[in-house]
Amino acid sequence: PEELHAFVRETLGDLAADDEPELVD
């Protein structure tokens, strides 16, 4: 699962985070 997490973080960057409503939007 960590490999999938890393792929998401590398691909989406800041958009991977769920803590900011603007980024989620």
PDB file of all heavy atoms in Angstrom:
ATOM      1  N   PRO A   1       0.815  -1.220   0.000  1.00  0.00           N
ATOM      2  CA  PRO A   1       0.000   0.000   0.000  1.00  0.00           C
ATOM      3  C   PRO A   1       0.848   1.270   0.000  1.00  0.00           C
ATOM      4  O   PRO A   1       0.440   2.288  -0.549  1.00  0.00           O
ATOM      5  CB  PRO A   1      -0.827  -0.096   1.274  1.00  0.00           C
ATOM      6  CG  PRO A   1      -0.713  -1.489   1.748  1.00  0.00           C
ATOM      7  CD  PRO A   1       0.522  -2.081   1.138  1.00  0.00           C
ATOM      8  N   GLU A   2       2.023   1.210   0.607  1.00  0.00           N
ATOM      9  CA  GLU A   2       2.877   2.397   0.640  1.00  0.00           C
ATOM     10  C   GLU A   2       3.327   2.786  -0.764  1.00  0.00           C
ATOM     11  O   GLU A   2       3.504   3.967  -1.064  1.00  0.00           O
ATOM     12  CB  GLU A   2       4.086   2.169   1.556  1.00  0.00           C
ATOM     13  CG  GLU A   2       4.897   3.415   1.798  1.00  0.00           C
ATOM     14  CD  GLU A   2       4.065   4.630   2.238  1.00  0.00           C
ATOM     15  OE1 GLU A   2       3.162   4.480   3.069  1.00  0.00           O
ATOM     16  OE2 GLU A   2       4.332   5.744   1.732  1.00  0.00           O
ATOM     17  N   GLU A   3       3.494   1.807  -1.634  1.00  0.00           N
ATOM     18  CA  GLU A   3       3.853   2.096  -3.034  1.00  0.00           C
ATOM     19  C   GLU A   3       2.721   2.862  -3.722  1.00  0.00           C
ATOM     20  O   GLU A   3       2.959   3.805  -4.480  1.00  0.00           O
ATOM     21  CB  GLU A   3       4.150   0.802  -3.788  1.00  0.00           C
ATOM     22  CG  GLU A   3       4.718   1.010  -5.164  1.00  0.00           C
ATOM     23  CD  GLU A   3       6.080   1.690  -5.136  1.00  0.00           C
ATOM     24  OE1 GLU A   3       6.892   1.401  -4.244  1.00  0.00           O
ATOM     25  OE2 GLU A   3       6.319   2.536  -6.038  1.00  0.00           O
ATOM     26  N   LEU A   4       1.480   2.481  -3.433  1.00  0.00           N
ATOM     27  CA  LEU A   4       0.329   3.196  -3.986  1.00  0.00           C
ATOM     28  C   LEU A   4       0.259   4.614  -3.419  1.00  0.00           C
ATOM     29  O   LEU A   4       0.002   5.566  -4.159  1.00  0.00           O
ATOM     30  CB  LEU A   4      -0.967   2.438  -3.702  1.00  0.00           C
ATOM     31  CG  LEU A   4      -1.145   1.125  -4.449  1.00  0.00           C
ATOM     32  CD1 LEU A   4      -2.380   0.389  -3.952  1.00  0.00           C
ATOM     33  CD2 LEU A   4      -1.230   1.356  -5.948  1.00  0.00           C
ATOM     34  N   HIS A   5       0.493   4.750  -2.117  1.00  0.00           N
ATOM     35  CA  HIS A   5       0.508   6.084  -1.496  1.00  0.00           C
ATOM     36  C   HIS A   5       1.575   6.966  -2.148  1.00  0.00           C
ATOM     37  O   HIS A   5       1.323   8.139  -2.434  1.00  0.00           O
ATOM     38  CB  HIS A   5       0.785   5.988   0.004  1.00  0.00           C
ATOM     39  CG  HIS A   5      -0.365   5.484   0.805  1.00  0.00           C
ATOM     40  ND1 HIS A   5      -1.553   6.161   0.934  1.00  0.00           N
ATOM     41  CD2 HIS A   5      -0.506   4.348   1.534  1.00  0.00           C
ATOM     42  CE1 HIS A   5      -2.375   5.479   1.696  1.00  0.00           C
ATOM     43  NE2 HIS A   5      -1.770   4.371   2.069  1.00  0.00           N
ATOM     44  N   ALA A   6       2.747   6.398  -2.367  1.00  0.00           N
ATOM     45  CA  ALA A   6       3.841   7.161  -2.968  1.00  0.00           C
ATOM     46  C   ALA A   6       3.472   7.600  -4.382  1.00  0.00           C
ATOM     47  O   ALA A   6       3.733   8.739  -4.783  1.00  0.00           O
ATOM     48  CB  ALA A   6       5.123   6.331  -2.982  1.00  0.00           C
ATOM     49  N   PHE A   7       2.847   6.704  -5.145  1.00  0.00           N
ATOM     50  CA  PHE A   7       2.422   7.042  -6.509  1.00  0.00           C
ATOM     51  C   PHE A   7       1.432   8.202  -6.486  1.00  0.00           C
ATOM     52  O   PHE A   7       1.548   9.146  -7.266  1.00  0.00           O
ATOM     53  CB  PHE A   7       1.813   5.815  -7.200  1.00  0.00           C
ATOM     54  CG  PHE A   7       1.238   6.115  -8.549  1.00  0.00           C
ATOM     55  CD1 PHE A   7       2.066   6.320  -9.644  1.00  0.00           C
ATOM     56  CD2 PHE A   7      -0.131   6.213  -8.726  1.00  0.00           C
ATOM     57  CE1 PHE A   7       1.542   6.612 -10.894  1.00  0.00           C
ATOM     58  CE2 PHE A   7      -0.668   6.507  -9.964  1.00  0.00           C
ATOM     59  CZ  PHE A   7       0.172   6.705 -11.048  1.00  0.00           C
ATOM     60  N   VAL A   8       0.482   8.150  -5.584  1.00  0.00           N
ATOM     61  CA  VAL A   8      -0.521   9.220  -5.475  1.00  0.00           C
ATOM     62  C   VAL A   8       0.150  10.539  -5.108  1.00  0.00           C
ATOM     63  O   VAL A   8      -0.112  11.574  -5.729  1.00  0.00           O
ATOM     64  CB  VAL A   8      -1.617   8.850  -4.446  1.00  0.00           C
ATOM     65  CG1 VAL A   8      -2.497  10.052  -4.130  1.00  0.00           C
ATOM     66  CG2 VAL A   8      -2.459   7.699  -4.970  1.00  0.00           C
ATOM     67  N   ARG A   9       1.030  10.510  -4.124  1.00  0.00           N
ATOM     68  CA  ARG A   9       1.713  11.741  -3.697  1.00  0.00           C
ATOM     69  C   ARG A   9       2.575  12.316  -4.821  1.00  0.00           C
ATOM     70  O   ARG A   9       2.578  13.524  -5.052  1.00  0.00           O
ATOM     71  CB  ARG A   9       2.580  11.476  -2.465  1.00  0.00           C
ATOM     72  CG  ARG A   9       1.797  11.351  -1.174  1.00  0.00           C
ATOM     73  CD  ARG A   9       2.708  11.321   0.044  1.00  0.00           C
ATOM     74  NE  ARG A   9       3.737  10.301  -0.024  1.00  0.00           N
ATOM     75  CZ  ARG A   9       3.607   9.043   0.421  1.00  0.00           C
ATOM     76  NH1 ARG A   9       2.476   8.672   0.973  1.00  0.00           N
ATOM     77  NH2 ARG A   9       4.603   8.188   0.330  1.00  0.00           N
ATOM     78  N   GLU A  10       3.302  11.446  -5.516  1.00  0.00           N
ATOM     79  CA  GLU A  10       4.172  11.915  -6.604  1.00  0.00           C
ATOM     80  C   GLU A  10       3.359  12.464  -7.771  1.00  0.00           C
ATOM     81  O   GLU A  10       3.764  13.427  -8.418  1.00  0.00           O
ATOM     82  CB  GLU A  10       5.056  10.766  -7.105  1.00  0.00           C
ATOM     83  CG  GLU A  10       6.112  10.343  -6.117  1.00  0.00           C
ATOM     84  CD  GLU A  10       6.731   9.004  -6.468  1.00  0.00           C
ATOM     85  OE1 GLU A  10       6.465   8.473  -7.577  1.00  0.00           O
ATOM     86  OE2 GLU A  10       7.472   8.466  -5.621  1.00  0.00           O
ATOM     87  N   THR A  11       2.233  11.859  -8.046  1.00  0.00           N
ATOM     88  CA  THR A  11       1.425  12.247  -9.204  1.00  0.00           C
ATOM     89  C   THR A  11       0.569  13.468  -8.921  1.00  0.00           C
ATOM     90  O   THR A  11       0.512  14.397  -9.722  1.00  0.00           O
ATOM     91  CB  THR A  11       0.536  11.072  -9.651  1.00  0.00           C
ATOM     92  OG1 THR A  11       1.367   9.932  -9.902  1.00  0.00           O
ATOM     93  CG2 THR A  11      -0.225  11.417 -10.920  1.00  0.00           C
ATOM     94  N   LEU A  12      -0.101  13.479  -7.776  1.00  0.00           N
ATOM     95  CA  LEU A  12      -1.044  14.557  -7.463  1.00  0.00           C
ATOM     96  C   LEU A  12      -0.430  15.679  -6.630  1.00  0.00           C
ATOM     97  O   LEU A  12      -1.015  16.761  -6.553  1.00  0.00           O
ATOM     98  CB  LEU A  12      -2.265  14.003  -6.722  1.00  0.00           C
ATOM     99  CG  LEU A  12      -3.171  13.075  -7.519  1.00  0.00           C
ATOM    100  CD1 LEU A  12      -4.289  12.543  -6.642  1.00  0.00           C
ATOM    101  CD2 LEU A  12      -3.726  13.767  -8.747  1.00  0.00           C
ATOM    102  N   GLY A  13       0.692  15.441  -6.017  1.00  0.00           N
ATOM    103  CA  GLY A  13       1.318  16.476  -5.197  1.00  0.00           C
ATOM    104  C   GLY A  13       0.375  16.954  -4.108  1.00  0.00           C
ATOM    105  O   GLY A  13      -0.212  16.152  -3.388  1.00  0.00           O
ATOM    106  N   ASP A  14       0.208  18.264  -4.003  1.00  0.00           N
ATOM    107  CA  ASP A  14      -0.647  18.846  -2.960  1.00  0.00           C
ATOM    108  C   ASP A  14      -2.102  18.389  -3.077  1.00  0.00           C
ATOM    109  O   ASP A  14      -2.822  18.375  -2.078  1.00  0.00           O
ATOM    110  CB  ASP A  14      -0.603  20.375  -3.021  1.00  0.00           C
ATOM    111  CG  ASP A  14       0.743  20.928  -2.577  1.00  0.00           C
ATOM    112  OD1 ASP A  14       1.490  20.210  -1.887  1.00  0.00           O
ATOM    113  OD2 ASP A  14       1.047  22.080  -2.931  1.00  0.00           O
ATOM    114  N   LEU A  15      -2.543  18.024  -4.260  1.00  0.00           N
ATOM    115  CA  LEU A  15      -3.941  17.605  -4.436  1.00  0.00           C
ATOM    116  C   LEU A  15      -4.247  16.281  -3.741  1.00  0.00           C
ATOM    117  O   LEU A  15      -5.410  15.928  -3.580  1.00  0.00           O
ATOM    118  CB  LEU A  15      -4.287  17.467  -5.923  1.00  0.00           C
ATOM    119  CG  LEU A  15      -4.409  18.744  -6.725  1.00  0.00           C
ATOM    120  CD1 LEU A  15      -4.831  18.423  -8.154  1.00  0.00           C
ATOM    121  CD2 LEU A  15      -5.383  19.705  -6.099  1.00  0.00           C
ATOM    122  N   ALA A  16      -3.220  15.561  -3.322  1.00  0.00           N
ATOM    123  CA  ALA A  16      -3.436  14.282  -2.648  1.00  0.00           C
ATOM    124  C   ALA A  16      -3.955  14.477  -1.229  1.00  0.00           C
ATOM    125  O   ALA A  16      -4.540  13.567  -0.653  1.00  0.00           O
ATOM    126  CB  ALA A  16      -2.140  13.471  -2.632  1.00  0.00           C
ATOM    127  N   ALA A  17      -3.759  15.663  -0.672  1.00  0.00           N
ATOM    128  CA  ALA A  17      -4.158  15.927   0.713  1.00  0.00           C
ATOM    129  C   ALA A  17      -5.659  16.178   0.817  1.00  0.00           C
ATOM    130  O   ALA A  17      -6.268  16.750  -0.075  1.00  0.00           O
ATOM    131  CB  ALA A  17      -3.392  17.134   1.244  1.00  0.00           C
ATOM    132  N   ASP A  18      -6.223  15.743   1.928  1.00  0.00           N
ATOM    133  CA  ASP A  18      -7.655  15.955   2.182  1.00  0.00           C
ATOM    134  C   ASP A  18      -7.911  17.031   3.219  1.00  0.00           C
ATOM    135  O   ASP A  18      -9.038  17.250   3.627  1.00  0.00           O
ATOM    136  CB  ASP A  18      -8.301  14.658   2.671  1.00  0.00           C
ATOM    137  CG  ASP A  18      -8.605  13.707   1.531  1.00  0.00           C
ATOM    138  OD1 ASP A  18      -8.757  14.166   0.387  1.00  0.00           O
ATOM    139  OD2 ASP A  18      -8.698  12.499   1.795  1.00  0.00           O
ATOM    140  N   ASP A  19      -6.861  17.724   3.655  1.00  0.00           N
ATOM    141  CA  ASP A  19      -7.029  18.651   4.761  1.00  0.00           C
ATOM    142  C   ASP A  19      -7.415  20.064   4.337  1.00  0.00           C
ATOM    143  O   ASP A  19      -7.819  20.853   5.173  1.00  0.00           O
ATOM    144  CB  ASP A  19      -5.775  18.681   5.626  1.00  0.00           C
ATOM    145  CG  ASP A  19      -4.518  18.963   4.823  1.00  0.00           C
ATOM    146  OD1 ASP A  19      -4.579  18.963   3.589  1.00  0.00           O
ATOM    147  OD2 ASP A  19      -3.463  19.169   5.452  1.00  0.00           O
ATOM    148  N   GLU A  20      -7.324  20.393   3.072  1.00  0.00           N
ATOM    149  CA  GLU A  20      -7.700  21.735   2.612  1.00  0.00           C
ATOM    150  C   GLU A  20      -8.877  21.641   1.638  1.00  0.00           C
ATOM    151  O   GLU A  20      -8.763  21.019   0.587  1.00  0.00           O
ATOM    152  CB  GLU A  20      -6.524  22.416   1.915  1.00  0.00           C
ATOM    153  CG  GLU A  20      -5.446  22.886   2.863  1.00  0.00           C
ATOM    154  CD  GLU A  20      -4.418  23.737   2.147  1.00  0.00           C
ATOM    155  OE1 GLU A  20      -4.824  24.683   1.421  1.00  0.00           O
ATOM    156  OE2 GLU A  20      -3.235  23.435   2.307  1.00  0.00           O
ATOM    157  N   PRO A  21      -9.989  22.272   1.969  1.00  0.00           N
ATOM    158  CA  PRO A  21     -11.165  22.206   1.099  1.00  0.00           C
ATOM    159  C   PRO A  21     -10.893  22.671  -0.338  1.00  0.00           C
ATOM    160  O   PRO A  21     -11.441  22.112  -1.287  1.00  0.00           O
ATOM    161  CB  PRO A  21     -12.179  23.113   1.791  1.00  0.00           C
ATOM    162  CG  PRO A  21     -11.756  23.126   3.211  1.00  0.00           C
ATOM    163  CD  PRO A  21     -10.258  22.998   3.201  1.00  0.00           C
ATOM    164  N   GLU A  22     -10.050  23.691  -0.494  1.00  0.00           N
ATOM    165  CA  GLU A  22      -9.756  24.186  -1.842  1.00  0.00           C
ATOM    166  C   GLU A  22      -9.073  23.110  -2.683  1.00  0.00           C
ATOM    167  O   GLU A  22      -9.389  22.939  -3.863  1.00  0.00           O
ATOM    168  CB  GLU A  22      -8.867  25.431  -1.781  1.00  0.00           C
ATOM    169  CG  GLU A  22      -8.531  25.949  -3.173  1.00  0.00           C
ATOM    170  CD  GLU A  22      -7.518  27.078  -3.152  1.00  0.00           C
ATOM    171  OE1 GLU A  22      -7.044  27.473  -2.077  1.00  0.00           O
ATOM    172  OE2 GLU A  22      -7.212  27.573  -4.252  1.00  0.00           O
ATOM    173  N   LEU A  23      -8.154  22.356  -2.083  1.00  0.00           N
ATOM    174  CA  LEU A  23      -7.455  21.297  -2.812  1.00  0.00           C
ATOM    175  C   LEU A  23      -8.392  20.136  -3.141  1.00  0.00           C
ATOM    176  O   LEU A  23      -8.324  19.557  -4.227  1.00  0.00           O
ATOM    177  CB  LEU A  23      -6.244  20.806  -2.019  1.00  0.00           C
ATOM    178  CG  LEU A  23      -5.144  21.842  -1.794  1.00  0.00           C
ATOM    179  CD1 LEU A  23      -4.044  21.274  -0.925  1.00  0.00           C
ATOM    180  CD2 LEU A  23      -4.593  22.348  -3.119  1.00  0.00           C
ATOM    181  N   VAL A  24      -9.272  19.816  -2.204  1.00  0.00           N
ATOM    182  CA  VAL A  24     -10.263  18.767  -2.454  1.00  0.00           C
ATOM    183  C   VAL A  24     -11.169  19.183  -3.609  1.00  0.00           C
ATOM    184  O   VAL A  24     -11.488  18.383  -4.493  1.00  0.00           O
ATOM    185  CB  VAL A  24     -11.075  18.465  -1.177  1.00  0.00           C
ATOM    186  CG1 VAL A  24     -12.229  17.517  -1.473  1.00  0.00           C
ATOM    187  CG2 VAL A  24     -10.169  17.888  -0.095  1.00  0.00           C
ATOM    188  N   ASP A  25     -11.556  20.448  -3.631  1.00  0.00           N
ATOM    189  CA  ASP A  25     -12.404  20.985  -4.693  1.00  0.00           C
ATOM    190  C   ASP A  25     -11.675  20.965  -6.047  1.00  0.00           C
ATOM    191  O   ASP A  25     -12.257  20.602  -7.067  1.00  0.00           O
ATOM    192  CB  ASP A  25     -12.846  22.395  -4.324  1.00  0.00           C
ATOM    193  CG  ASP A  25     -14.027  22.861  -5.135  1.00  0.00           C
ATOM    194  OD1 ASP A  25     -14.906  22.043  -5.458  1.00  0.00           O
ATOM    195  OD2 ASP A  25     -14.070  24.065  -5.459  1.00  0.00           O
TER     196      ASP A  25
END
